[in-house]
């Protein structure tokens, strides 16, 4: 079908090879249209304009070229150059959205158009769209009776706690225009071969923690099993965030939930979500089906249908509140010996003063 549209056979095969293996196994009759759309989106993003079929517009329209006899060749050349420059900017914007936020190519294409039409900030519009998909309004706060000074003092204590947990290379804080931005590096593999992802949390000074953070984004390194799962992870994160109590620190709890979501995504155990339902894509339908990798993985392992149905439900967080702030020592569950922890936390522990004091003490025995 792509070949009939004017693409070469090599281009069609290359775009098909970029699809995940789970999407090309046991393809049903009604799935070919979706595969065609995904291949077409990939070609529109990754091919130069002069490599596209003649008369083909990557924005989804057929080009109607009308050349007036009175228009000089120079004008036509300038228009072509301007069009190519605009197309290059569009492709760069789409590529940034897919690599930075983990969006699919089609989500990035439609979001890029909406940002251009509404002349809005990409991050602001994307966060609003994600909240709509999650069905949560995080702009509504709750007055806890804390004064502005008390809130600022709580934030400062929370930031000092983060400094004790993370090394300076893993956590940074930036204050600008009445907002505080906390950035935490998260390593997604044990070997450390891939660059870390960045958890960025923006808070409004004097309002947080009586309101939720203004935005929470996980950016960069959407590779391997995390490819195209940016929307799903952010939607689950927003649902988790909406359940956090006001008047308490939220950053460390958000960090812990992000790590759990990354593990769930790597294992293929994450409910799917899409921005297409709120971006006005006519071909999309609101769905709560799990990620395709879930079904194939569970079929191979021979798990029963009840477990498969359970994967479609929202992932519950393991606790109502953070142990760090709200659970009394006598109510804390027993520690797990030699628990599996992330490389970032292990590195932070090694840099704590207590770890150095322990090493000095043992060296003198």
Protein backbone atom coordinates (compact mmCIF):
# COMPACT_ATOMS: atom_id res chain seq x y z
CA UNK A 1 0.00 0.00 0.00
CA UNK A 2 2.84 2.40 0.79
CA UNK A 3 4.45 1.43 -2.51
CA UNK A 4 1.23 2.34 -4.34
CA UNK A 5 1.30 5.72 -2.58
CA UNK A 6 4.65 6.41 -4.23
CA UNK A 7 7.14 5.30 -1.56
CA UNK A 8 9.93 2.94 -2.58
CA UNK A 9 9.86 -0.68 -1.45
CA UNK A 10 13.02 -0.07 0.59
CA UNK A 11 11.36 2.84 2.41
CA UNK A 12 8.27 0.75 3.13
CA UNK A 13 10.34 -2.15 4.48
CA UNK A 14 12.43 0.21 6.64
CA UNK A 15 9.36 1.83 8.20
CA UNK A 16 7.80 -1.57 8.88
CA UNK A 17 11.02 -2.75 10.55
CA UNK A 18 10.80 0.16 13.03
CA UNK A 19 7.55 -1.18 14.48
CA UNK A 20 7.82 -3.08 17.78
CA UNK A 21 7.93 -6.85 17.41
CA UNK A 22 4.71 -7.25 19.40
CA UNK A 23 2.85 -5.15 16.81
CA UNK A 24 3.93 -7.27 13.84
CA UNK A 25 3.27 -10.70 15.34
CA UNK A 26 -0.01 -12.41 14.49
CA UNK A 27 -1.41 -9.33 12.75
CA UNK A 28 -5.20 -9.42 12.46
CA UNK A 29 -7.09 -8.24 9.39
CA UNK A 30 -8.39 -5.10 11.09
CA UNK A 31 -4.91 -4.12 12.35
CA UNK A 32 -3.31 -3.39 8.98
CA UNK A 33 -4.78 0.11 8.75
CA UNK A 34 -3.20 1.01 12.08
CA UNK A 35 0.16 -0.43 11.01
CA UNK A 36 -0.10 1.53 7.77
CA UNK A 37 -0.71 4.77 9.70
CA UNK A 38 2.25 4.15 12.02
CA UNK A 39 4.56 3.39 9.08
CA UNK A 40 3.33 6.50 7.27
CA UNK A 41 3.95 8.66 10.36
CA UNK A 42 7.49 7.28 10.66
CA UNK A 43 8.23 8.03 7.01
CA UNK A 44 6.87 11.59 7.28
CA UNK A 45 9.14 12.30 10.23
CA UNK A 46 12.35 10.63 9.10
CA UNK A 47 12.42 11.27 5.34
CA UNK A 48 13.56 14.53 3.81
CA UNK A 49 11.00 16.41 1.75
CA UNK A 50 12.72 15.55 -1.53
CA UNK A 51 12.51 11.85 -0.64
CA UNK A 52 8.72 11.90 -0.31
CA UNK A 53 6.51 10.92 -3.27
CA UNK A 54 5.78 13.71 -5.74
CA UNK A 55 2.73 15.74 -4.71
CA UNK A 56 2.69 14.22 -1.22
CA UNK A 57 2.18 16.54 1.77
CA UNK A 58 3.44 15.03 5.11
CA UNK A 59 0.89 17.15 6.99
CA UNK A 60 -1.87 14.95 5.65
CA UNK A 61 -3.08 16.79 2.51
CA UNK A 62 -2.49 16.34 -1.20
CA UNK A 63 -0.50 19.20 -2.65
CA UNK A 64 -2.31 21.23 -5.30
CA UNK A 65 0.45 22.97 -7.23
CA UNK A 66 -0.69 25.84 -9.44
CA UNK A 67 1.96 27.74 -11.39
CA UNK A 68 0.83 31.06 -12.85
CA UNK A 69 2.45 32.10 -16.08
CA UNK A 70 3.27 35.55 -14.73
CA UNK A 71 5.19 34.32 -11.70
CA UNK A 72 8.92 34.15 -12.10
CA UNK A 73 10.99 31.05 -11.44
CA UNK A 74 12.78 32.89 -8.68
CA UNK A 75 9.55 33.27 -6.71
CA UNK A 76 8.83 29.56 -7.06
CA UNK A 77 12.33 28.74 -5.85
CA UNK A 78 11.93 31.00 -2.80
CA UNK A 79 8.58 29.42 -1.92
CA UNK A 80 10.09 25.95 -2.18
CA UNK A 81 12.99 26.97 0.06
CA UNK A 82 10.65 28.49 2.62
CA UNK A 83 8.48 25.37 2.57
CA UNK A 84 11.48 23.12 3.06
CA UNK A 85 12.74 25.25 5.97
CA UNK A 86 9.30 25.14 7.61
CA UNK A 87 9.09 21.40 7.11
CA UNK A 88 12.54 21.01 8.68
CA UNK A 89 11.42 22.94 11.75
CA UNK A 90 8.28 20.79 12.03
CA UNK A 91 10.31 17.59 11.86
CA UNK A 92 12.73 18.90 14.50
CA UNK A 93 9.84 19.77 16.83
CA UNK A 94 8.26 16.34 16.37
CA UNK A 95 11.58 14.59 16.94
CA UNK A 96 12.10 16.58 20.17
CA UNK A 97 8.67 15.58 21.49
CA UNK A 98 9.26 11.88 20.83
CA UNK A 99 12.76 11.79 22.30
CA UNK A 100 12.22 14.19 25.22
CA UNK A 101 8.75 13.21 26.43
CA UNK A 102 8.39 9.68 25.02
CA UNK A 103 5.38 10.49 22.80
CA UNK A 104 4.47 8.43 19.76
CA UNK A 105 5.12 9.94 16.35
CA UNK A 106 1.43 10.61 15.76
CA UNK A 107 0.97 12.21 19.20
CA UNK A 108 4.01 14.42 18.58
CA UNK A 109 2.73 15.44 15.13
CA UNK A 110 -0.72 16.49 16.38
CA UNK A 111 0.64 18.16 19.53
CA UNK A 112 3.16 20.15 17.47
CA UNK A 113 0.35 21.45 15.26
CA UNK A 114 -1.75 22.38 18.31
CA UNK A 115 1.16 24.24 19.92
CA UNK A 116 1.64 26.22 16.69
CA UNK A 117 -2.06 27.00 16.29
CA UNK A 118 -2.61 28.06 19.90
CA UNK A 119 0.81 29.71 20.27
CA UNK A 120 1.17 28.08 23.65
CA UNK A 121 4.09 26.68 25.64
CA UNK A 122 4.77 23.05 24.74
CA UNK A 123 5.25 21.94 28.37
CA UNK A 124 2.17 23.82 29.61
CA UNK A 125 -0.09 22.46 26.86
CA UNK A 126 1.28 18.93 27.17
CA UNK A 127 0.72 18.89 30.96
CA UNK A 128 -2.86 20.09 30.48
CA UNK A 129 -3.48 17.36 27.89
CA UNK A 130 -2.01 14.66 30.15
CA UNK A 131 -4.24 15.76 33.05
CA UNK A 132 -7.25 15.56 30.73
CA UNK A 133 -6.37 12.01 29.71
CA UNK A 134 -5.90 11.05 33.37
CA UNK A 135 -9.22 12.69 34.26
CA UNK A 136 -7.65 14.75 37.06
CA UNK A 137 -7.62 18.46 37.83
CA UNK A 138 -4.45 19.25 39.77
CA UNK A 139 -4.99 23.01 39.81
CA UNK A 140 -7.35 22.81 42.81
CA UNK A 141 -5.57 23.05 46.16
CA UNK A 142 -6.67 22.70 49.76
CA UNK A 143 -6.16 25.31 52.46
CA UNK A 144 -4.44 23.61 55.41
CA UNK A 145 -4.13 26.75 57.52
CA UNK A 146 -0.40 27.07 56.90
CA UNK A 147 0.98 30.56 56.42
CA UNK A 148 3.18 31.42 53.45
CA UNK A 149 6.25 31.48 55.70
CA UNK A 150 5.42 28.02 57.08
CA UNK A 151 5.03 26.64 53.57
CA UNK A 152 8.36 28.08 52.48
CA UNK A 153 9.99 26.61 55.60
CA UNK A 154 8.49 23.17 54.82
CA UNK A 155 9.83 23.36 51.26
CA UNK A 156 13.29 24.30 52.54
CA UNK A 157 13.27 21.32 54.93
CA UNK A 158 12.21 19.04 52.08
CA UNK A 159 15.01 20.34 49.86
CA UNK A 160 17.56 19.76 52.65
CA UNK A 161 16.29 16.20 52.99
CA UNK A 162 16.79 15.66 49.25
CA UNK A 163 20.33 17.03 49.52
CA UNK A 164 21.06 14.43 52.20
CA UNK A 165 19.67 11.61 50.05
CA UNK A 166 21.06 12.52 46.64
CA UNK A 167 24.49 13.68 45.57
CA UNK A 168 24.89 17.12 43.89
CA UNK A 169 25.27 15.38 40.51
CA UNK A 170 21.94 13.60 40.97
CA UNK A 171 19.77 16.41 42.31
CA UNK A 172 19.72 20.14 41.57
CA UNK A 173 17.41 22.98 42.62
CA UNK A 174 16.65 26.14 40.65
CA UNK A 175 14.59 29.13 41.86
CA UNK A 176 13.23 31.57 39.29
CA UNK A 177 10.19 33.88 38.97
CA UNK A 178 8.53 32.68 42.15
CA UNK A 179 8.90 29.01 41.26
CA UNK A 180 11.20 26.25 42.48
CA UNK A 181 12.29 23.53 40.06
CA UNK A 182 13.78 20.29 41.39
CA UNK A 183 15.61 18.04 38.92
CA UNK A 184 16.55 14.48 39.89
CA UNK A 185 18.58 12.15 37.67
CA UNK A 186 17.21 8.61 37.38
CA UNK A 187 19.34 5.81 35.94
CA UNK A 188 17.20 3.38 33.96
CA UNK A 189 19.66 0.49 33.74
CA UNK A 190 21.90 -1.20 36.31
CA UNK A 191 24.99 -1.06 34.08
CA UNK A 192 24.74 2.69 33.58
CA UNK A 193 25.36 2.40 29.83
CA UNK A 194 22.46 4.66 28.88
CA UNK A 195 22.24 8.33 29.87
CA UNK A 196 19.97 8.92 32.88
CA UNK A 197 16.45 10.29 32.64
CA UNK A 198 15.53 13.51 34.42
CA UNK A 199 12.58 13.96 36.76
CA UNK A 200 11.63 17.65 36.72
CA UNK A 201 9.20 18.97 39.37
CA UNK A 202 8.04 22.61 39.26
CA UNK A 203 6.46 24.09 42.41
CA UNK A 204 4.91 27.49 43.05
CA UNK A 205 6.63 29.24 45.96
CA UNK A 206 4.31 30.08 48.84
CA UNK A 207 1.54 27.80 47.56
CA UNK A 208 3.06 24.29 47.60
CA UNK A 209 2.38 21.98 49.48
CA UNK A 210 -1.20 23.30 49.76
CA UNK A 211 -1.37 22.73 46.01
CA UNK A 212 0.15 20.05 43.82
CA UNK A 213 3.34 20.77 41.85
CA UNK A 214 2.67 22.88 38.77
CA UNK A 215 4.09 20.17 36.50
CA UNK A 216 6.00 16.90 36.76
CA UNK A 217 7.84 15.60 33.71
CA UNK A 218 10.14 12.65 33.07
CA UNK A 219 12.36 13.49 30.11
CA UNK A 220 15.07 11.90 27.99
CA UNK A 221 16.28 8.38 27.18
CA UNK A 222 12.94 6.92 26.05
CA UNK A 223 14.67 3.90 24.54
CA UNK A 224 14.16 0.15 24.40
CA UNK A 225 11.13 -1.05 26.38
CA UNK A 226 10.27 2.57 27.32
CA UNK A 227 9.85 3.71 23.70
CA UNK A 228 6.50 5.47 23.06
CA UNK A 229 5.39 4.96 26.70
CA UNK A 230 5.77 8.58 27.80
CA UNK A 231 2.02 9.27 27.82
CA UNK A 232 1.20 6.08 29.75
CA UNK A 233 3.79 6.75 32.45
CA UNK A 234 2.85 10.41 32.88
CA UNK A 235 -0.88 9.61 33.08
CA UNK A 236 -0.28 7.03 35.83
CA UNK A 237 1.98 9.52 37.61
CA UNK A 238 -0.73 12.19 37.53
CA UNK A 239 -3.26 9.76 39.01
CA UNK A 240 -0.80 8.94 41.79
CA UNK A 241 -0.12 12.64 42.37
CA UNK A 242 -3.82 13.42 42.72
CA UNK A 243 -4.04 11.05 45.72
CA UNK A 244 -1.19 12.63 47.68
CA UNK A 245 -2.29 14.57 50.79
CA UNK A 246 -1.84 18.33 50.90
CA UNK A 247 0.34 19.97 53.52
CA UNK A 248 3.11 17.34 53.26
CA UNK A 249 6.21 16.93 51.16
CA UNK A 250 5.57 15.18 47.85
CA UNK A 251 8.87 15.14 45.97
CA UNK A 252 10.40 11.99 47.44
CA UNK A 253 7.13 10.11 47.03
CA UNK A 254 6.95 11.19 43.38
CA UNK A 255 10.51 9.97 42.86
CA UNK A 256 9.65 6.57 44.32
CA UNK A 257 6.51 6.23 42.20
CA UNK A 258 8.42 7.11 39.02
CA UNK A 259 10.88 4.31 39.69
CA UNK A 260 8.04 1.83 40.20
CA UNK A 261 6.39 2.96 36.98
CA UNK A 262 9.65 2.55 35.06
CA UNK A 263 10.01 -1.00 36.39
CA UNK A 264 6.39 -1.75 35.45
CA UNK A 265 6.93 -0.34 31.96
CA UNK A 266 10.10 -2.39 31.47
CA UNK A 267 8.18 -5.52 32.49
CA UNK A 268 5.31 -4.67 30.13
CA UNK A 269 2.90 -4.28 33.06
CA UNK A 270 1.61 -0.75 32.50
CA UNK A 271 -1.89 0.34 31.39
CA UNK A 272 -1.79 2.11 28.04
CA UNK A 273 -2.91 5.69 27.46
CA UNK A 274 -2.89 7.99 24.45
CA UNK A 275 -3.08 11.73 23.81
CA UNK A 276 -4.89 11.14 20.53
CA UNK A 277 -8.26 11.15 22.30
CA UNK A 278 -7.79 14.79 23.39
CA UNK A 279 -5.82 15.98 20.34
CA UNK A 280 -8.81 15.58 18.05
CA UNK A 281 -7.64 12.55 16.09
CA UNK A 282 -10.79 11.15 14.40
CA UNK A 283 -9.36 7.64 14.11
CA UNK A 284 -8.67 7.25 17.82
CA UNK A 285 -11.04 5.76 20.35
CA UNK A 286 -10.81 6.07 24.10
CA UNK A 287 -9.43 2.78 25.39
CA UNK A 288 -8.32 1.28 28.65
CA UNK A 289 -6.60 -1.70 27.05
CA UNK A 290 -3.17 -2.55 28.45
CA UNK A 291 0.03 -2.25 26.49
CA UNK A 292 0.38 -4.82 23.69
CA UNK A 293 3.53 -6.16 25.31
CA UNK A 294 1.49 -7.26 28.32
CA UNK A 295 -0.71 -9.67 26.37
CA UNK A 296 2.15 -11.26 24.41
CA UNK A 297 4.31 -11.68 27.50
CA UNK A 298 1.55 -13.23 29.57
CA UNK A 299 0.50 -15.53 26.72
CA UNK A 300 4.06 -16.86 26.50
CA UNK A 301 4.19 -17.45 30.24
CA UNK A 302 0.86 -19.28 30.16
CA UNK A 303 -0.80 -17.05 32.75
CA UNK A 304 -4.55 -17.32 33.15
CA UNK A 305 -7.08 -14.79 31.91
CA UNK A 306 -7.84 -13.41 35.37
CA UNK A 307 -4.29 -12.12 35.70
CA UNK A 308 -4.52 -10.64 32.22
CA UNK A 309 -7.69 -8.76 33.15
CA UNK A 310 -6.06 -7.54 36.33
CA UNK A 311 -3.32 -5.80 34.29
CA UNK A 312 -5.87 -3.37 32.83
CA UNK A 313 -6.65 -1.83 36.21
CA UNK A 314 -4.84 1.16 37.59
CA UNK A 315 -1.58 0.31 39.36
CA UNK A 316 -2.15 0.99 43.05
CA UNK A 317 0.62 2.57 45.00
CA UNK A 318 1.90 0.38 47.83
CA UNK A 319 1.15 2.83 50.63
CA UNK A 320 -1.27 5.62 51.44
CA UNK A 321 1.44 7.93 52.67
CA UNK A 322 5.21 8.02 52.70
CA UNK A 323 6.94 6.14 55.51
CA UNK A 324 9.39 8.99 55.72
CA UNK A 325 6.90 11.60 56.91
CA UNK A 326 3.83 9.95 58.43
CA UNK A 327 4.33 6.41 59.83
CA UNK A 328 5.31 5.95 63.45
CA UNK A 329 8.35 3.74 64.18
CA UNK A 330 6.26 1.08 65.94
CA UNK A 331 4.00 0.82 62.88
CA UNK A 332 6.83 0.54 60.37
CA UNK A 333 6.99 -2.95 58.80
CA UNK A 334 10.15 -5.06 59.27
CA UNK A 335 13.05 -4.23 57.01
CA UNK A 336 13.80 -6.49 54.05
CA UNK A 337 17.37 -7.83 54.19
CA UNK A 338 19.51 -6.82 51.21
CA UNK A 339 16.69 -5.15 49.23
CA UNK A 340 17.21 -4.37 45.57
CA UNK A 341 17.76 -0.63 45.24
CA UNK A 342 18.46 1.61 42.28
CA UNK A 343 22.06 2.63 41.44
CA UNK A 344 21.25 6.29 42.20
CA UNK A 345 20.11 5.54 45.77
CA UNK A 346 23.06 3.19 46.35
CA UNK A 347 25.46 5.90 45.24
CA UNK A 348 23.74 8.47 47.46
CA UNK A 349 24.06 6.18 50.48
CA UNK A 350 27.77 5.74 49.87
CA UNK A 351 28.21 9.51 49.94
CA UNK A 352 26.39 10.03 53.25
CA UNK A 353 28.50 11.05 56.27
CA UNK A 354 27.25 7.99 58.15
CA UNK A 355 28.69 5.67 55.49
CA UNK A 356 32.10 7.33 55.76
CA UNK A 357 31.99 7.19 59.56
CA UNK A 358 31.16 3.49 59.39
CA UNK A 359 34.09 2.86 57.04
CA UNK A 360 36.45 4.73 59.38
CA UNK A 361 35.18 2.81 62.39
CA UNK A 362 35.59 -0.60 60.73
CA UNK A 363 39.09 0.29 59.51
CA UNK A 364 40.23 0.82 63.13
CA UNK A 365 38.88 -2.45 64.48
